[in-house]
Amino acid sequence: EDLFISYPMTQYRRGQGEYMTTPSRFIEDVPEDVLEPVQLVEEDAADDPGVDDEMSPSSSNGEAAAPGESPRDAAPSPPDDPADADGLPF
């Protein structure tokens, strides 16, 4: 069976504003060979300068999407370190 463990990437605290969160410290007790880190990134096509309405859809890596596959169907590759969120637009 599968177990999905998730956590919010950001939280908002009054007086502090928005801040990045970290995974539970208990995940350190789980063997790495059973973990499969996945990081979802929200995309807004209107804000994405790489999206052109006149062009054919492309995947997030700049290659054309396969027939029948939309760019959002392509799974983003997880970062080397899921705790490293420096590349996110925050």
PDB file of N, CA and C in Angstrom:
ATOM      1  N   GLU A   1       0.833  -1.187   0.000  1.00  0.00           N
ATOM      2  CA  GLU A   1       0.000   0.000   0.000  1.00  0.00           C
ATOM      3  C   GLU A   1       0.872   1.242   0.000  1.00  0.00           C
ATOM      4  N   ASP A   2       0.284   2.356  -0.407  1.00  0.00           N
ATOM      5  CA  ASP A   2       1.004   3.626  -0.471  1.00  0.00           C
ATOM      6  C   ASP A   2       0.589   4.531   0.678  1.00  0.00           C
ATOM      7  N   LEU A   3       1.532   5.289   1.150  1.00  0.00           N
ATOM      8  CA  LEU A   3       1.273   6.310   2.156  1.00  0.00           C
ATOM      9  C   LEU A   3       1.788   7.625   1.592  1.00  0.00           C
ATOM     10  N   PHE A   4       0.944   8.617   1.543  1.00  0.00           N
ATOM     11  CA  PHE A   4       1.327   9.930   1.041  1.00  0.00           C
ATOM     12  C   PHE A   4       1.471  10.881   2.223  1.00  0.00           C
ATOM     13  N   ILE A   5       2.639  11.478   2.344  1.00  0.00           N
ATOM     14  CA  ILE A   5       2.913  12.443   3.403  1.00  0.00           C
ATOM     15  C   ILE A   5       3.103  13.794   2.726  1.00  0.00           C
ATOM     16  N   SER A   6       2.380  14.787   3.191  1.00  0.00           N
ATOM     17  CA  SER A   6       2.497  16.107   2.566  1.00  0.00           C
ATOM     18  C   SER A   6       2.639  17.184   3.635  1.00  0.00           C
ATOM     19  N   TYR A   7       3.068  18.350   3.179  1.00  0.00           N
ATOM     20  CA  TYR A   7       3.154  19.508   4.057  1.00  0.00           C
ATOM     21  C   TYR A   7       3.054  20.756   3.191  1.00  0.00           C
ATOM     22  N   PRO A   8       2.576  21.859   3.764  1.00  0.00           N
ATOM     23  CA  PRO A   8       2.485  23.083   2.965  1.00  0.00           C
ATOM     24  C   PRO A   8       3.869  23.671   2.742  1.00  0.00           C
ATOM     25  N   MET A   9       4.109  24.191   1.556  1.00  0.00           N
ATOM     26  CA  MET A   9       5.415  24.798   1.279  1.00  0.00           C
ATOM     27  C   MET A   9       5.548  26.156   1.952  1.00  0.00           C
ATOM     28  N   THR A  10       4.436  26.865   2.079  1.00  0.00           N
ATOM     29  CA  THR A  10       4.465  28.160   2.760  1.00  0.00           C
ATOM     30  C   THR A  10       3.309  28.236   3.737  1.00  0.00           C
ATOM     31  N   GLN A  11       3.498  29.049   4.749  1.00  0.00           N
ATOM     32  CA  GLN A  11       2.440  29.342   5.707  1.00  0.00           C
ATOM     33  C   GLN A  11       2.433  30.841   5.944  1.00  0.00           C
ATOM     34  N   TYR A  12       1.320  31.316   6.452  1.00  0.00           N
ATOM     35  CA  TYR A  12       1.215  32.732   6.770  1.00  0.00           C
ATOM     36  C   TYR A  12       0.966  32.854   8.261  1.00  0.00           C
ATOM     37  N   ARG A  13       1.752  33.659   8.913  1.00  0.00           N
ATOM     38  CA  ARG A  13       1.580  33.892  10.341  1.00  0.00           C
ATOM     39  C   ARG A  13       1.459  35.397  10.549  1.00  0.00           C
ATOM     40  N   ARG A  14       0.384  35.797  11.223  1.00  0.00           N
ATOM     41  CA  ARG A  14       0.164  37.220  11.470  1.00  0.00           C
ATOM     42  C   ARG A  14       1.367  37.801  12.220  1.00  0.00           C
ATOM     43  N   GLY A  15       1.837  38.904  11.761  1.00  0.00           N
ATOM     44  CA  GLY A  15       2.992  39.551  12.373  1.00  0.00           C
ATOM     45  C   GLY A  15       4.306  39.141  11.726  1.00  0.00           C
ATOM     46  N   GLN A  16       4.343  37.946  11.131  1.00  0.00           N
ATOM     47  CA  GLN A  16       5.559  37.474  10.471  1.00  0.00           C
ATOM     48  C   GLN A  16       5.414  37.435   8.958  1.00  0.00           C
ATOM     49  N   GLY A  17       4.190  37.321   8.491  1.00  0.00           N
ATOM     50  CA  GLY A  17       3.955  37.215   7.055  1.00  0.00           C
ATOM     51  C   GLY A  17       4.125  35.790   6.572  1.00  0.00           C
ATOM     52  N   GLU A  18       4.373  35.659   5.273  1.00  0.00           N
ATOM     53  CA  GLU A  18       4.509  34.339   4.663  1.00  0.00           C
ATOM     54  C   GLU A  18       5.939  33.833   4.836  1.00  0.00           C
ATOM     55  N   TYR A  19       6.069  32.553   5.170  1.00  0.00           N
ATOM     56  CA  TYR A  19       7.393  31.975   5.337  1.00  0.00           C
ATOM     57  C   TYR A  19       7.401  30.549   4.812  1.00  0.00           C
ATOM     58  N   MET A  20       8.592  30.068   4.465  1.00  0.00           N
ATOM     59  CA  MET A  20       8.763  28.706   3.953  1.00  0.00           C
ATOM     60  C   MET A  20       8.723  27.723   5.120  1.00  0.00           C
ATOM     61  N   THR A  21       8.058  26.599   4.921  1.00  0.00           N
ATOM     62  CA  THR A  21       8.004  25.570   5.954  1.00  0.00           C
ATOM     63  C   THR A  21       9.001  24.463   5.629  1.00  0.00           C
ATOM     64  N   THR A  22       9.182  23.563   6.568  1.00  0.00           N
ATOM     65  CA  THR A  22      10.067  22.414   6.370  1.00  0.00           C
ATOM     66  C   THR A  22       9.285  21.146   6.672  1.00  0.00           C
ATOM     67  N   PRO A  23       9.697  20.023   6.091  1.00  0.00           N
ATOM     68  CA  PRO A  23       9.009  18.763   6.383  1.00  0.00           C
ATOM     69  C   PRO A  23       9.161  18.389   7.856  1.00  0.00           C
ATOM     70  N   SER A  24       8.311  17.506   8.304  1.00  0.00           N
ATOM     71  CA  SER A  24       8.364  17.020   9.679  1.00  0.00           C
ATOM     72  C   SER A  24       9.717  16.394   9.976  1.00  0.00           C
ATOM     73  N   ARG A  25      10.204  16.599  11.175  1.00  0.00           N
ATOM     74  CA  ARG A  25      11.488  16.001  11.565  1.00  0.00           C
ATOM     75  C   ARG A  25      11.389  14.481  11.634  1.00  0.00           C
ATOM     76  N   PHE A  26      10.185  13.930  11.706  1.00  0.00           N
ATOM     77  CA  PHE A  26      10.004  12.484  11.794  1.00  0.00           C
ATOM     78  C   PHE A  26      10.278  11.782  10.463  1.00  0.00           C
ATOM     79  N   ILE A  27      10.290  12.524   9.367  1.00  0.00           N
ATOM     80  CA  ILE A  27      10.606  11.924   8.068  1.00  0.00           C
ATOM     81  C   ILE A  27      12.040  11.411   8.057  1.00  0.00           C
ATOM     82  N   GLU A  28      12.904  12.006   8.879  1.00  0.00           N
ATOM     83  CA  GLU A  28      14.293  11.545   8.966  1.00  0.00           C
ATOM     84  C   GLU A  28      14.378  10.087   9.408  1.00  0.00           C
ATOM     85  N   ASP A  29      13.354   9.592  10.120  1.00  0.00           N
ATOM     86  CA  ASP A  29      13.347   8.209  10.599  1.00  0.00           C
ATOM     87  C   ASP A  29      12.907   7.214   9.527  1.00  0.00           C
ATOM     88  N   VAL A  30      12.392   7.704   8.408  1.00  0.00           N
ATOM     89  CA  VAL A  30      11.930   6.837   7.321  1.00  0.00           C
ATOM     90  C   VAL A  30      13.120   6.547   6.401  1.00  0.00           C
ATOM     91  N   PRO A  31      13.361   5.274   6.079  1.00  0.00           N
ATOM     92  CA  PRO A  31      14.485   4.944   5.187  1.00  0.00           C
ATOM     93  C   PRO A  31      14.337   5.648   3.832  1.00  0.00           C
ATOM     94  N   GLU A  32      15.449   6.194   3.325  1.00  0.00           N
ATOM     95  CA  GLU A  32      15.425   6.948   2.067  1.00  0.00           C
ATOM     96  C   GLU A  32      14.980   6.108   0.879  1.00  0.00           C
ATOM     97  N   ASP A  33      15.244   4.803   0.906  1.00  0.00           N
ATOM     98  CA  ASP A  33      14.903   3.967  -0.249  1.00  0.00           C
ATOM     99  C   ASP A  33      13.401   3.780  -0.421  1.00  0.00           C
ATOM    100  N   VAL A  34      12.590   4.139   0.576  1.00  0.00           N
ATOM    101  CA  VAL A  34      11.137   4.032   0.424  1.00  0.00           C
ATOM    102  C   VAL A  34      10.489   5.393   0.163  1.00  0.00           C
ATOM    103  N   LEU A  35      11.277   6.460   0.220  1.00  0.00           N
ATOM    104  CA  LEU A  35      10.735   7.792  -0.037  1.00  0.00           C
ATOM    105  C   LEU A  35      10.843   8.145  -1.511  1.00  0.00           C
ATOM    106  N   GLU A  36       9.836   8.820  -2.001  1.00  0.00           N
ATOM    107  CA  GLU A  36       9.844   9.324  -3.376  1.00  0.00           C
ATOM    108  C   GLU A  36       9.398  10.782  -3.327  1.00  0.00           C
ATOM    109  N   PRO A  37      10.346  11.707  -3.129  1.00  0.00           N
ATOM    110  CA  PRO A  37       9.961  13.112  -3.002  1.00  0.00           C
ATOM    111  C   PRO A  37       9.375  13.663  -4.294  1.00  0.00           C
ATOM    112  N   VAL A  38       8.293  14.397  -4.163  1.00  0.00           N
ATOM    113  CA  VAL A  38       7.640  15.049  -5.297  1.00  0.00           C
ATOM    114  C   VAL A  38       7.322  16.471  -4.863  1.00  0.00           C
ATOM    115  N   GLN A  39       7.611  17.417  -5.719  1.00  0.00           N
ATOM    116  CA  GLN A  39       7.313  18.808  -5.422  1.00  0.00           C
ATOM    117  C   GLN A  39       6.418  19.348  -6.522  1.00  0.00           C
ATOM    118  N   LEU A  40       5.221  19.771  -6.152  1.00  0.00           N
ATOM    119  CA  LEU A  40       4.293  20.343  -7.115  1.00  0.00           C
ATOM    120  C   LEU A  40       4.529  21.841  -7.195  1.00  0.00           C
ATOM    121  N   VAL A  41       4.463  22.361  -8.391  1.00  0.00           N
ATOM    122  CA  VAL A  41       4.644  23.790  -8.607  1.00  0.00           C
ATOM    123  C   VAL A  41       3.426  24.303  -9.346  1.00  0.00           C
ATOM    124  N   GLU A  42       2.777  25.298  -8.780  1.00  0.00           N
ATOM    125  CA  GLU A  42       1.604  25.884  -9.422  1.00  0.00           C
ATOM    126  C   GLU A  42       2.058  26.722 -10.602  1.00  0.00           C
ATOM    127  N   GLU A  43       1.429  26.512 -11.737  1.00  0.00           N
ATOM    128  CA  GLU A  43       1.766  27.265 -12.934  1.00  0.00           C
ATOM    129  C   GLU A  43       0.561  28.072 -13.369  1.00  0.00           C
ATOM    130  N   ASP A  44       0.797  29.308 -13.772  1.00  0.00           N
ATOM    131  CA  ASP A  44      -0.254  30.152 -14.297  1.00  0.00           C
ATOM    132  C   ASP A  44       0.178  30.570 -15.693  1.00  0.00           C
ATOM    133  N   ALA A  45      -0.503  30.050 -16.702  1.00  0.00           N
ATOM    134  CA  ALA A  45      -0.106  30.295 -18.091  1.00  0.00           C
ATOM    135  C   ALA A  45      -0.087  31.783 -18.423  1.00  0.00           C
ATOM    136  N   ALA A  46      -0.951  32.576 -17.807  1.00  0.00           N
ATOM    137  CA  ALA A  46      -0.993  34.008 -18.102  1.00  0.00           C
ATOM    138  C   ALA A  46       0.277  34.710 -17.630  1.00  0.00           C
ATOM    139  N   ASP A  47       0.916  34.183 -16.592  1.00  0.00           N
ATOM    140  CA  ASP A  47       2.128  34.792 -16.054  1.00  0.00           C
ATOM    141  C   ASP A  47       3.394  34.167 -16.615  1.00  0.00           C
ATOM    142  N   ASP A  48       3.270  33.103 -17.420  1.00  0.00           N
ATOM    143  CA  ASP A  48       4.430  32.381 -17.930  1.00  0.00           C
ATOM    144  C   ASP A  48       4.874  32.998 -19.250  1.00  0.00           C
ATOM    145  N   PRO A  49       6.032  33.662 -19.289  1.00  0.00           N
ATOM    146  CA  PRO A  49       6.466  34.287 -20.535  1.00  0.00           C
ATOM    147  C   PRO A  49       6.804  33.271 -21.618  1.00  0.00           C
ATOM    148  N   GLY A  50       6.973  32.002 -21.264  1.00  0.00           N
ATOM    149  CA  GLY A  50       7.298  30.975 -22.252  1.00  0.00           C
ATOM    150  C   GLY A  50       6.082  30.453 -22.991  1.00  0.00           C
ATOM    151  N   VAL A  51       4.889  30.879 -22.600  1.00  0.00           N
ATOM    152  CA  VAL A  51       3.670  30.389 -23.241  1.00  0.00           C
ATOM    153  C   VAL A  51       3.196  31.415 -24.254  1.00  0.00           C
ATOM    154  N   ASP A  52       2.991  30.968 -25.494  1.00  0.00           N
ATOM    155  CA  ASP A  52       2.517  31.829 -26.568  1.00  0.00           C
ATOM    156  C   ASP A  52       1.266  31.181 -27.138  1.00  0.00           C
ATOM    157  N   ASP A  53       0.144  31.916 -27.157  1.00  0.00           N
ATOM    158  CA  ASP A  53      -1.120  31.352 -27.625  1.00  0.00           C
ATOM    159  C   ASP A  53      -1.050  30.874 -29.065  1.00  0.00           C
ATOM    160  N   GLU A  54      -0.179  31.457 -29.885  1.00  0.00           N
ATOM    161  CA  GLU A  54      -0.096  31.075 -31.284  1.00  0.00           C
ATOM    162  C   GLU A  54       0.833  29.882 -31.517  1.00  0.00           C
ATOM    163  N   MET A  55       1.603  29.537 -30.509  1.00  0.00           N
ATOM    164  CA  MET A  55       2.547  28.429 -30.644  1.00  0.00           C
ATOM    165  C   MET A  55       1.882  27.147 -30.161  1.00  0.00           C
ATOM    166  N   SER A  56       2.432  26.011 -30.583  1.00  0.00           N
ATOM    167  CA  SER A  56       1.918  24.746 -30.085  1.00  0.00           C
ATOM    168  C   SER A  56       2.351  24.580 -28.641  1.00  0.00           C
ATOM    169  N   PRO A  57       1.587  23.784 -27.850  1.00  0.00           N
ATOM    170  CA  PRO A  57       1.939  23.610 -26.440  1.00  0.00           C
ATOM    171  C   PRO A  57       3.324  23.004 -26.306  1.00  0.00           C
ATOM    172  N   SER A  58       4.007  23.422 -25.283  1.00  0.00           N
ATOM    173  CA  SER A  58       5.307  22.828 -25.002  1.00  0.00           C
ATOM    174  C   SER A  58       5.341  22.385 -23.555  1.00  0.00           C
ATOM    175  N   SER A  59       6.206  21.450 -23.272  1.00  0.00           N
ATOM    176  CA  SER A  59       6.341  20.972 -21.908  1.00  0.00           C
ATOM    177  C   SER A  59       7.169  21.963 -21.116  1.00  0.00           C
ATOM    178  N   SER A  60       7.295  21.721 -19.816  1.00  0.00           N
ATOM    179  CA  SER A  60       8.018  22.647 -18.954  1.00  0.00           C
ATOM    180  C   SER A  60       9.499  22.706 -19.290  1.00  0.00           C
ATOM    181  N   ASN A  61      10.025  21.712 -20.011  1.00  0.00           N
ATOM    182  CA  ASN A  61      11.448  21.739 -20.353  1.00  0.00           C
ATOM    183  C   ASN A  61      11.692  22.369 -21.718  1.00  0.00           C
ATOM    184  N   GLY A  62      10.654  22.942 -22.339  1.00  0.00           N
ATOM    185  CA  GLY A  62      10.820  23.644 -23.594  1.00  0.00           C
ATOM    186  C   GLY A  62      10.622  22.782 -24.824  1.00  0.00           C
ATOM    187  N   GLU A  63      10.461  21.472 -24.659  1.00  0.00           N
ATOM    188  CA  GLU A  63      10.244  20.592 -25.798  1.00  0.00           C
ATOM    189  C   GLU A  63       8.756  20.527 -26.102  1.00  0.00           C
ATOM    190  N   ALA A  64       8.418  20.235 -27.341  1.00  0.00           N
ATOM    191  CA  ALA A  64       7.014  20.136 -27.728  1.00  0.00           C
ATOM    192  C   ALA A  64       6.367  18.963 -27.013  1.00  0.00           C
ATOM    193  N   ALA A  65       5.120  19.154 -26.593  1.00  0.00           N
ATOM    194  CA  ALA A  65       4.384  18.087 -25.926  1.00  0.00           C
ATOM    195  C   ALA A  65       4.026  17.011 -26.937  1.00  0.00           C
ATOM    196  N   ALA A  66       3.994  15.780 -26.483  1.00  0.00           N
ATOM    197  CA  ALA A  66       3.623  14.662 -27.346  1.00  0.00           C
ATOM    198  C   ALA A  66       2.157  14.798 -27.729  1.00  0.00           C
ATOM    199  N   PRO A  67       1.754  14.265 -28.894  1.00  0.00           N
ATOM    200  CA  PRO A  67       0.344  14.340 -29.283  1.00  0.00           C
ATOM    201  C   PRO A  67      -0.544  13.738 -28.203  1.00  0.00           C
ATOM    202  N   GLY A  68      -1.596  14.455 -27.845  1.00  0.00           N
ATOM    203  CA  GLY A  68      -2.510  13.985 -26.814  1.00  0.00           C
ATOM    204  C   GLY A  68      -2.035  14.301 -25.409  1.00  0.00           C
ATOM    205  N   GLU A  69      -0.860  14.887 -25.282  1.00  0.00           N
ATOM    206  CA  GLU A  69      -0.330  15.222 -23.959  1.00  0.00           C
ATOM    207  C   GLU A  69      -0.243  16.728 -23.845  1.00  0.00           C
ATOM    208  N   SER A  70      -0.871  17.259 -22.806  1.00  0.00           N
ATOM    209  CA  SER A  70      -0.756  18.693 -22.576  1.00  0.00           C
ATOM    210  C   SER A  70       0.477  18.936 -21.719  1.00  0.00           C
ATOM    211  N   PRO A  71       1.002  20.156 -21.719  1.00  0.00           N
ATOM    212  CA  PRO A  71       2.191  20.438 -20.919  1.00  0.00           C
ATOM    213  C   PRO A  71       1.979  20.146 -19.443  1.00  0.00           C
ATOM    214  N   ARG A  72       0.755  20.307 -18.953  1.00  0.00           N
ATOM    215  CA  ARG A  72       0.489  20.049 -17.540  1.00  0.00           C
ATOM    216  C   ARG A  72       0.455  18.556 -17.224  1.00  0.00           C
ATOM    217  N   ASP A  73       0.326  17.688 -18.266  1.00  0.00           N
ATOM    218  CA  ASP A  73       0.350  16.247 -18.036  1.00  0.00           C
ATOM    219  C   ASP A  73       1.752  15.762 -17.711  1.00  0.00           C
ATOM    220  N   ALA A  74       2.743  16.485 -18.171  1.00  0.00           N
ATOM    221  CA  ALA A  74       4.127  16.086 -17.942  1.00  0.00           C
ATOM    222  C   ALA A  74       4.482  16.376 -16.494  1.00  0.00           C
ATOM    223  N   ALA A  75       4.953  15.357 -15.785  1.00  0.00           N
ATOM    224  CA  ALA A  75       5.292  15.515 -14.377  1.00  0.00           C
ATOM    225  C   ALA A  75       6.588  16.307 -14.244  1.00  0.00           C
ATOM    226  N   PRO A  76       6.604  17.309 -13.360  1.00  0.00           N
ATOM    227  CA  PRO A  76       7.843  18.047 -13.158  1.00  0.00           C
ATOM    228  C   PRO A  76       8.860  17.162 -12.459  1.00  0.00           C
ATOM    229  N   SER A  77      10.114  17.315 -12.814  1.00  0.00           N
ATOM    230  CA  SER A  77      11.128  16.509 -12.156  1.00  0.00           C
ATOM    231  C   SER A  77      11.382  17.080 -10.771  1.00  0.00           C
ATOM    232  N   PRO A  78      11.476  16.203  -9.768  1.00  0.00           N
ATOM    233  CA  PRO A  78      11.672  16.695  -8.409  1.00  0.00           C
ATOM    234  C   PRO A  78      13.071  17.285  -8.253  1.00  0.00           C
ATOM    235  N   PRO A  79      13.214  18.259  -7.370  1.00  0.00           N
ATOM    236  CA  PRO A  79      14.534  18.828  -7.144  1.00  0.00           C
ATOM    237  C   PRO A  79      15.428  17.819  -6.443  1.00  0.00           C
ATOM    238  N   ASP A  80      16.733  18.040  -6.497  1.00  0.00           N
ATOM    239  CA  ASP A  80      17.657  17.147  -5.808  1.00  0.00           C
ATOM    240  C   ASP A  80      17.381  17.129  -4.314  1.00  0.00           C
ATOM    241  N   ASP A  81      17.061  18.266  -3.757  1.00  0.00           N
ATOM    242  CA  ASP A  81      16.766  18.386  -2.337  1.00  0.00           C
ATOM    243  C   ASP A  81      15.425  19.085  -2.197  1.00  0.00           C
ATOM    244  N   PRO A  82      14.355  18.359  -1.809  1.00  0.00           N
ATOM    245  CA  PRO A  82      13.035  18.983  -1.728  1.00  0.00           C
ATOM    246  C   PRO A  82      12.976  20.143  -0.739  1.00  0.00           C
ATOM    247  N   ALA A  83      13.884  20.182   0.221  1.00  0.00           N
ATOM    248  CA  ALA A  83      13.882  21.286   1.175  1.00  0.00           C
ATOM    249  C   ALA A  83      14.475  22.551   0.565  1.00  0.00           C
ATOM    250  N   ASP A  84      15.137  22.422  -0.587  1.00  0.00           N
ATOM    251  CA  ASP A  84      15.749  23.571  -1.239  1.00  0.00           C
ATOM    252  C   ASP A  84      14.723  24.225  -2.157  1.00  0.00           C
ATOM    253  N   ALA A  85      14.126  25.298  -1.707  1.00  0.00           N
ATOM    254  CA  ALA A  85      13.069  25.954  -2.478  1.00  0.00           C
ATOM    255  C   ALA A  85      13.548  27.265  -3.085  1.00  0.00           C
ATOM    256  N   ASP A  86      14.846  27.436  -3.239  1.00  0.00           N
ATOM    257  CA  ASP A  86      15.376  28.697  -3.755  1.00  0.00           C
ATOM    258  C   ASP A  86      14.890  29.005  -5.158  1.00  0.00           C
ATOM    259  N   GLY A  87      14.589  27.982  -5.961  1.00  0.00           N
ATOM    260  CA  GLY A  87      14.184  28.216  -7.335  1.00  0.00           C
ATOM    261  C   GLY A  87      12.720  28.567  -7.490  1.00  0.00           C
ATOM    262  N   LEU A  88      11.970  28.600  -6.400  1.00  0.00           N
ATOM    263  CA  LEU A  88      10.543  28.882  -6.500  1.00  0.00           C
ATOM    264  C   LEU A  88      10.280  30.382  -6.521  1.00  0.00           C
ATOM    265  N   PRO A  89       9.229  30.801  -7.216  1.00  0.00           N
ATOM    266  CA  PRO A  89       8.919  32.228  -7.330  1.00  0.00           C
ATOM    267  C   PRO A  89       8.208  32.770  -6.100  1.00  0.00           C
ATOM    268  N   PHE A  90       8.923  32.947  -5.002  1.00  0.00           N
ATOM    269  CA  PHE A  90       8.336  33.517  -3.781  1.00  0.00           C
ATOM    270  C   PHE A  90       8.995  34.823  -3.439  1.00  0.00           C
TER     271      PHE A  90
END
